[in-house]
Amino acid sequence: MQRNKTQRKRITTPTPVVPLGPFMGDNVVKATEDSLDAFLSADQATFNQPWQKLDRGARLDRLRKYVQAYPDLTPAEAASLLAAVLQAYETKQLNTKLAIDYDPVNARVTAIRGLKERVGLSGLRTFRIESTVRATIRRTKSVPAPTSQVPTSILNTETTVNT
């Protein structure tokens, strides 16, 4: 026995009146613009955290902006500085707040400790980040001072009372 397929009722809805505005009624563009604004405002809030709480991408972004803001660099020098900074970051030299001076209010790196600049014979500056000694100072147990040998006759004296 063969049955007929059930057919859906077709509902006719009136087309909504589209308001004209900067997006010409395109809700997808408006939603994308709103979500992008929300993302950027949340992204700016993440940069306001201390250096050690920033994620990897945010740290790399801040380091790249530091290289771009470094004064008087030629493109070759900027590439040398960026390579030195990225190599130091990959070797985990720049993970601590001791290695980086970071301003969370302005969300920018102010200085990198251990950054050394050398000028070659050609006048081209090269950069290197020297690792700082981060050894923890261990406290040793204080050794008791050597006691001088006190004669036992003084220590074992008995007092006698004359009555």
C-alpha atoms as a PDB file:
ATOM      1  CA  MET A   1       0.000   0.000   0.000  1.00  0.00           C
ATOM      2  CA  GLN A   2       1.398   3.314  -0.970  1.00  0.00           C
ATOM      3  CA  ARG A   3       0.753   6.391   1.119  1.00  0.00           C
ATOM      4  CA  ASN A   4       0.922   9.987   0.164  1.00  0.00           C
ATOM      5  CA  LYS A   5       3.527  12.145   1.896  1.00  0.00           C
ATOM      6  CA  THR A   6       2.274  14.602   4.422  1.00  0.00           C
ATOM      7  CA  GLN A   7       2.491  18.107   3.166  1.00  0.00           C
ATOM      8  CA  ARG A   8       3.346  21.046   5.402  1.00  0.00           C
ATOM      9  CA  LYS A   9       1.102  23.990   5.604  1.00  0.00           C
ATOM     10  CA  ARG A  10       2.597  26.992   4.024  1.00  0.00           C
ATOM     11  CA  ILE A  11       2.418  30.017   6.253  1.00  0.00           C
ATOM     12  CA  THR A  12       2.719  33.336   4.624  1.00  0.00           C
ATOM     13  CA  THR A  13       4.367  35.941   6.802  1.00  0.00           C
ATOM     14  CA  PRO A  14       4.459  39.553   5.936  1.00  0.00           C
ATOM     15  CA  THR A  15       7.922  40.848   5.124  1.00  0.00           C
ATOM     16  CA  PRO A  16       9.205  43.089   7.878  1.00  0.00           C
ATOM     17  CA  VAL A  17       9.916  46.695   7.198  1.00  0.00           C
ATOM     18  CA  VAL A  18      13.674  47.093   7.087  1.00  0.00           C
ATOM     19  CA  PRO A  19      14.915  50.292   8.714  1.00  0.00           C
ATOM     20  CA  LEU A  20      17.460  52.153   6.722  1.00  0.00           C
ATOM     21  CA  GLY A  21      20.639  53.036   8.541  1.00  0.00           C
ATOM     22  CA  PRO A  22      24.391  52.790   8.189  1.00  0.00           C
ATOM     23  CA  PHE A  23      24.108  49.064   7.500  1.00  0.00           C
ATOM     24  CA  MET A  24      21.137  49.364   5.123  1.00  0.00           C
ATOM     25  CA  GLY A  25      19.202  46.796   7.098  1.00  0.00           C
ATOM     26  CA  ASP A  26      21.862  44.098   6.914  1.00  0.00           C
ATOM     27  CA  ASN A  27      21.566  42.388  10.294  1.00  0.00           C
ATOM     28  CA  VAL A  28      24.541  40.097   9.640  1.00  0.00           C
ATOM     29  CA  VAL A  29      26.873  43.058   9.196  1.00  0.00           C
ATOM     30  CA  LYS A  30      25.432  44.750  12.280  1.00  0.00           C
ATOM     31  CA  ALA A  31      25.862  41.603  14.387  1.00  0.00           C
ATOM     32  CA  THR A  32      29.412  41.167  13.125  1.00  0.00           C
ATOM     33  CA  GLU A  33      30.248  44.780  13.919  1.00  0.00           C
ATOM     34  CA  ASP A  34      28.779  44.456  17.427  1.00  0.00           C
ATOM     35  CA  SER A  35      30.623  41.222  18.130  1.00  0.00           C
ATOM     36  CA  LEU A  36      33.877  42.741  16.842  1.00  0.00           C
ATOM     37  CA  ASP A  37      33.438  45.745  19.139  1.00  0.00           C
ATOM     38  CA  ALA A  38      32.764  43.442  22.082  1.00  0.00           C
ATOM     39  CA  PHE A  39      35.809  41.343  21.208  1.00  0.00           C
ATOM     40  CA  LEU A  40      38.100  44.352  20.975  1.00  0.00           C
ATOM     41  CA  SER A  41      36.891  45.806  24.267  1.00  0.00           C
ATOM     42  CA  ALA A  42      37.395  42.434  25.967  1.00  0.00           C
ATOM     43  CA  ASP A  43      40.774  42.133  24.262  1.00  0.00           C
ATOM     44  CA  GLN A  44      41.850  45.507  25.639  1.00  0.00           C
ATOM     45  CA  ALA A  45      40.842  44.329  29.122  1.00  0.00           C
ATOM     46  CA  THR A  46      43.144  41.325  28.798  1.00  0.00           C
ATOM     47  CA  PHE A  47      46.123  43.581  28.090  1.00  0.00           C
ATOM     48  CA  ASN A  48      45.523  45.416  31.369  1.00  0.00           C
ATOM     49  CA  GLN A  49      46.609  42.385  33.383  1.00  0.00           C
ATOM     50  CA  PRO A  50      50.116  41.940  34.813  1.00  0.00           C
ATOM     51  CA  TRP A  51      52.765  40.472  32.486  1.00  0.00           C
ATOM     52  CA  GLN A  52      52.804  36.998  34.029  1.00  0.00           C
ATOM     53  CA  LYS A  53      49.010  36.665  33.611  1.00  0.00           C
ATOM     54  CA  LEU A  54      48.945  37.494  29.894  1.00  0.00           C
ATOM     55  CA  ASP A  55      48.547  34.582  27.533  1.00  0.00           C
ATOM     56  CA  ARG A  56      51.148  33.697  24.915  1.00  0.00           C
ATOM     57  CA  GLY A  57      49.541  35.583  22.041  1.00  0.00           C
ATOM     58  CA  ALA A  58      49.084  38.750  24.078  1.00  0.00           C
ATOM     59  CA  ARG A  59      52.716  38.656  25.212  1.00  0.00           C
ATOM     60  CA  LEU A  60      53.978  38.189  21.666  1.00  0.00           C
ATOM     61  CA  ASP A  61      51.763  41.055  20.494  1.00  0.00           C
ATOM     62  CA  ARG A  62      53.131  43.363  23.193  1.00  0.00           C
ATOM     63  CA  LEU A  63      56.718  42.374  22.351  1.00  0.00           C
ATOM     64  CA  ARG A  64      56.138  43.087  18.644  1.00  0.00           C
ATOM     65  CA  LYS A  65      54.727  46.501  19.499  1.00  0.00           C
ATOM     66  CA  TYR A  66      57.808  47.159  21.649  1.00  0.00           C
ATOM     67  CA  VAL A  67      60.040  46.373  18.665  1.00  0.00           C
ATOM     68  CA  GLN A  68      57.973  48.654  16.414  1.00  0.00           C
ATOM     69  CA  ALA A  69      58.193  51.504  18.944  1.00  0.00           C
ATOM     70  CA  TYR A  70      61.964  51.130  19.466  1.00  0.00           C
ATOM     71  CA  PRO A  71      63.556  54.428  18.360  1.00  0.00           C
ATOM     72  CA  ASP A  72      65.646  54.912  15.212  1.00  0.00           C
ATOM     73  CA  LEU A  73      65.675  51.406  13.753  1.00  0.00           C
ATOM     74  CA  THR A  74      66.322  50.482  10.165  1.00  0.00           C
ATOM     75  CA  PRO A  75      64.364  47.504   8.833  1.00  0.00           C
ATOM     76  CA  ALA A  76      67.417  45.240   9.210  1.00  0.00           C
ATOM     77  CA  GLU A  77      67.926  46.384  12.812  1.00  0.00           C
ATOM     78  CA  ALA A  78      64.226  45.906  13.556  1.00  0.00           C
ATOM     79  CA  ALA A  79      64.470  42.360  12.197  1.00  0.00           C
ATOM     80  CA  SER A  80      67.527  41.711  14.386  1.00  0.00           C
ATOM     81  CA  LEU A  81      65.757  43.041  17.473  1.00  0.00           C
ATOM     82  CA  LEU A  82      62.592  41.051  16.746  1.00  0.00           C
ATOM     83  CA  ALA A  83      64.618  37.868  16.214  1.00  0.00           C
ATOM     84  CA  ALA A  84      66.475  38.395  19.496  1.00  0.00           C
ATOM     85  CA  VAL A  85      63.264  39.086  21.416  1.00  0.00           C
ATOM     86  CA  LEU A  86      61.428  36.094  19.953  1.00  0.00           C
ATOM     87  CA  GLN A  87      64.372  33.778  20.582  1.00  0.00           C
ATOM     88  CA  ALA A  88      64.568  34.936  24.196  1.00  0.00           C
ATOM     89  CA  TYR A  89      60.826  34.440  24.559  1.00  0.00           C
ATOM     90  CA  GLU A  90      60.999  30.911  23.133  1.00  0.00           C
ATOM     91  CA  THR A  91      63.805  30.034  25.556  1.00  0.00           C
ATOM     92  CA  LYS A  92      61.557  31.307  28.392  1.00  0.00           C
ATOM     93  CA  GLN A  93      63.848  34.159  29.372  1.00  0.00           C
ATOM     94  CA  LEU A  94      61.032  36.699  29.104  1.00  0.00           C
ATOM     95  CA  ASN A  95      58.342  34.863  31.048  1.00  0.00           C
ATOM     96  CA  THR A  96      58.837  36.578  34.388  1.00  0.00           C
ATOM     97  CA  LYS A  97      58.092  40.068  35.535  1.00  0.00           C
ATOM     98  CA  LEU A  98      61.759  40.368  36.507  1.00  0.00           C
ATOM     99  CA  ALA A  99      62.813  40.243  32.845  1.00  0.00           C
ATOM    100  CA  ILE A 100      60.169  42.630  31.467  1.00  0.00           C
ATOM    101  CA  ASP A 101      59.076  46.068  32.618  1.00  0.00           C
ATOM    102  CA  TYR A 102      55.396  46.055  31.620  1.00  0.00           C
ATOM    103  CA  ASP A 103      52.933  48.866  32.205  1.00  0.00           C
ATOM    104  CA  PRO A 104      49.472  47.281  32.536  1.00  0.00           C
ATOM    105  CA  VAL A 105      47.691  50.656  32.550  1.00  0.00           C
ATOM    106  CA  ASN A 106      49.010  51.618  29.115  1.00  0.00           C
ATOM    107  CA  ALA A 107      49.360  47.940  28.070  1.00  0.00           C
ATOM    108  CA  ARG A 108      52.892  48.290  26.742  1.00  0.00           C
ATOM    109  CA  VAL A 109      56.362  46.944  27.425  1.00  0.00           C
ATOM    110  CA  THR A 110      58.575  49.760  28.692  1.00  0.00           C
ATOM    111  CA  ALA A 111      61.906  47.916  28.885  1.00  0.00           C
ATOM    112  CA  ILE A 112      63.494  44.510  28.527  1.00  0.00           C
ATOM    113  CA  ARG A 113      66.172  43.782  31.083  1.00  0.00           C
ATOM    114  CA  GLY A 114      69.309  42.258  29.658  1.00  0.00           C
ATOM    115  CA  LEU A 115      68.830  43.719  26.161  1.00  0.00           C
ATOM    116  CA  LYS A 116      72.271  44.525  24.800  1.00  0.00           C
ATOM    117  CA  GLU A 117      72.892  46.567  21.692  1.00  0.00           C
ATOM    118  CA  ARG A 118      76.124  46.313  19.720  1.00  0.00           C
ATOM    119  CA  VAL A 119      77.184  48.417  16.772  1.00  0.00           C
ATOM    120  CA  GLY A 120      79.096  46.501  14.123  1.00  0.00           C
ATOM    121  CA  LEU A 121      81.818  47.784  11.811  1.00  0.00           C
ATOM    122  CA  SER A 122      79.233  48.584   9.156  1.00  0.00           C
ATOM    123  CA  GLY A 123      77.300  50.755  11.605  1.00  0.00           C
ATOM    124  CA  LEU A 124      74.482  48.212  11.800  1.00  0.00           C
ATOM    125  CA  ARG A 125      73.146  47.601  15.271  1.00  0.00           C
ATOM    126  CA  THR A 126      72.660  44.035  16.428  1.00  0.00           C
ATOM    127  CA  PHE A 127      70.780  43.003  19.530  1.00  0.00           C
ATOM    128  CA  ARG A 128      71.152  40.238  22.047  1.00  0.00           C
ATOM    129  CA  ILE A 129      69.332  39.443  25.250  1.00  0.00           C
ATOM    130  CA  GLU A 130      71.617  38.177  27.949  1.00  0.00           C
ATOM    131  CA  SER A 131      70.081  35.944  30.526  1.00  0.00           C
ATOM    132  CA  THR A 132      70.025  37.336  33.994  1.00  0.00           C
ATOM    133  CA  VAL A 133      71.088  35.222  36.898  1.00  0.00           C
ATOM    134  CA  ARG A 134      67.879  34.109  38.507  1.00  0.00           C
ATOM    135  CA  ALA A 135      69.348  31.861  41.127  1.00  0.00           C
ATOM    136  CA  THR A 136      67.558  31.653  44.391  1.00  0.00           C
ATOM    137  CA  ILE A 137      69.716  32.438  47.341  1.00  0.00           C
ATOM    138  CA  ARG A 138      69.574  29.487  49.651  1.00  0.00           C
ATOM    139  CA  ARG A 139      69.865  30.137  53.292  1.00  0.00           C
ATOM    140  CA  THR A 140      72.246  27.845  54.998  1.00  0.00           C
ATOM    141  CA  LYS A 141      71.641  26.736  58.487  1.00  0.00           C
ATOM    142  CA  SER A 142      73.801  28.733  60.760  1.00  0.00           C
ATOM    143  CA  VAL A 143      76.596  26.642  62.141  1.00  0.00           C
ATOM    144  CA  PRO A 144      76.835  27.056  65.879  1.00  0.00           C
ATOM    145  CA  ALA A 145      79.889  28.936  66.927  1.00  0.00           C
ATOM    146  CA  PRO A 146      82.578  26.653  68.280  1.00  0.00           C
ATOM    147  CA  THR A 147      82.462  26.748  72.025  1.00  0.00           C
ATOM    148  CA  SER A 148      85.676  27.135  73.808  1.00  0.00           C
ATOM    149  CA  GLN A 149      86.620  24.320  76.058  1.00  0.00           C
ATOM    150  CA  VAL A 150      85.619  25.280  79.541  1.00  0.00           C
ATOM    151  CA  PRO A 151      87.360  23.332  82.252  1.00  0.00           C
ATOM    152  CA  THR A 152      85.012  20.830  83.806  1.00  0.00           C
ATOM    153  CA  SER A 153      86.159  21.827  87.275  1.00  0.00           C
ATOM    154  CA  ILE A 154      84.356  25.143  86.853  1.00  0.00           C
ATOM    155  CA  LEU A 155      81.186  23.537  85.586  1.00  0.00           C
ATOM    156  CA  ASN A 156      81.003  20.836  88.260  1.00  0.00           C
ATOM    157  CA  THR A 157      81.697  22.914  91.313  1.00  0.00           C
ATOM    158  CA  GLU A 158      79.638  22.274  94.340  1.00  0.00           C
ATOM    159  CA  THR A 159      78.905  25.004  96.710  1.00  0.00           C
ATOM    160  CA  THR A 160      79.554  24.354 100.303  1.00  0.00           C
ATOM    161  CA  VAL A 161      77.945  26.254 103.032  1.00  0.00           C
ATOM    162  CA  ASN A 162      79.845  26.805 106.234  1.00  0.00           C
ATOM    163  CA  THR A 163      77.555  26.687 109.178  1.00  0.00           C
END
